[in-house]
Amino acid sequence: MILANDFLEYLLNTERDLAARVRDRYDMYLKSLPVPSSLTERCY
């Protein structure tokens, strides 16, 4: 995840339009990841 964040920072400094699209897709990817069961058990 650190490399992805560094890459997004680099894009923001060089290609702002591309960075915005990549960040949106990366956020969608992070939301699509399965939630560990230990996190859901704490919610209930």
C-alpha atoms as a PDB file:
ATOM      1  CA  MET A   1       0.000   0.000   0.000  1.00  0.00           C
ATOM      2  CA  ILE A   2       2.910   2.332   0.681  1.00  0.00           C
ATOM      3  CA  LEU A   3       4.159   2.020  -2.891  1.00  0.00           C
ATOM      4  CA  ALA A   4       0.684   2.746  -4.235  1.00  0.00           C
ATOM      5  CA  ASN A   5       0.423   5.860  -2.075  1.00  0.00           C
ATOM      6  CA  ASP A   6       3.870   7.030  -3.187  1.00  0.00           C
ATOM      7  CA  PHE A   7       2.880   6.487  -6.811  1.00  0.00           C
ATOM      8  CA  LEU A   8      -0.305   8.517  -6.331  1.00  0.00           C
ATOM      9  CA  GLU A   9       1.722  11.358  -4.794  1.00  0.00           C
ATOM     10  CA  TYR A  10       4.086  11.265  -7.776  1.00  0.00           C
ATOM     11  CA  LEU A  11       1.157  11.408 -10.196  1.00  0.00           C
ATOM     12  CA  LEU A  12      -0.393  14.323  -8.329  1.00  0.00           C
ATOM     13  CA  ASN A  13       2.838  16.248  -8.772  1.00  0.00           C
ATOM     14  CA  THR A  14       3.191  15.448 -12.484  1.00  0.00           C
ATOM     15  CA  GLU A  15      -0.101  14.419 -14.118  1.00  0.00           C
ATOM     16  CA  ARG A  16      -3.002  15.783 -12.086  1.00  0.00           C
ATOM     17  CA  ASP A  17      -5.791  14.587 -14.425  1.00  0.00           C
ATOM     18  CA  LEU A  18      -4.443  11.063 -14.567  1.00  0.00           C
ATOM     19  CA  ALA A  19      -3.844  11.071 -10.813  1.00  0.00           C
ATOM     20  CA  ALA A  20      -7.480  11.931 -10.131  1.00  0.00           C
ATOM     21  CA  ARG A  21      -8.698   9.008 -12.250  1.00  0.00           C
ATOM     22  CA  VAL A  22      -6.176   6.582 -10.761  1.00  0.00           C
ATOM     23  CA  ARG A  23      -7.027   7.640  -7.209  1.00  0.00           C
ATOM     24  CA  ASP A  24     -10.753   7.128  -7.852  1.00  0.00           C
ATOM     25  CA  ARG A  25     -10.148   3.631  -9.198  1.00  0.00           C
ATOM     26  CA  TYR A  26      -7.747   2.796  -6.357  1.00  0.00           C
ATOM     27  CA  ASP A  27     -10.360   3.903  -3.803  1.00  0.00           C
ATOM     28  CA  MET A  28     -12.946   1.689  -5.517  1.00  0.00           C
ATOM     29  CA  TYR A  29     -10.463  -1.202  -5.389  1.00  0.00           C
ATOM     30  CA  LEU A  30      -9.846  -0.689  -1.670  1.00  0.00           C
ATOM     31  CA  LYS A  31     -13.599  -0.648  -0.988  1.00  0.00           C
ATOM     32  CA  SER A  32     -14.034  -3.889  -2.939  1.00  0.00           C
ATOM     33  CA  LEU A  33     -11.541  -5.795  -0.779  1.00  0.00           C
ATOM     34  CA  PRO A  34     -13.106  -8.279   1.641  1.00  0.00           C
ATOM     35  CA  VAL A  35     -13.306  -7.065   5.235  1.00  0.00           C
ATOM     36  CA  PRO A  36     -11.502  -9.334   7.712  1.00  0.00           C
ATOM     37  CA  SER A  37     -13.974 -11.185   9.933  1.00  0.00           C
ATOM     38  CA  SER A  38     -12.341  -9.804  13.087  1.00  0.00           C
ATOM     39  CA  LEU A  39     -13.415  -6.299  12.057  1.00  0.00           C
ATOM     40  CA  THR A  40     -17.024  -7.267  11.407  1.00  0.00           C
ATOM     41  CA  GLU A  41     -17.314  -9.151  14.705  1.00  0.00           C
ATOM     42  CA  ARG A  42     -16.395  -6.001  16.632  1.00  0.00           C
ATOM     43  CA  CYS A  43     -19.238  -4.080  15.005  1.00  0.00           C
ATOM     44  CA  TYR A  44     -21.928  -6.321  16.499  1.00  0.00           C
END
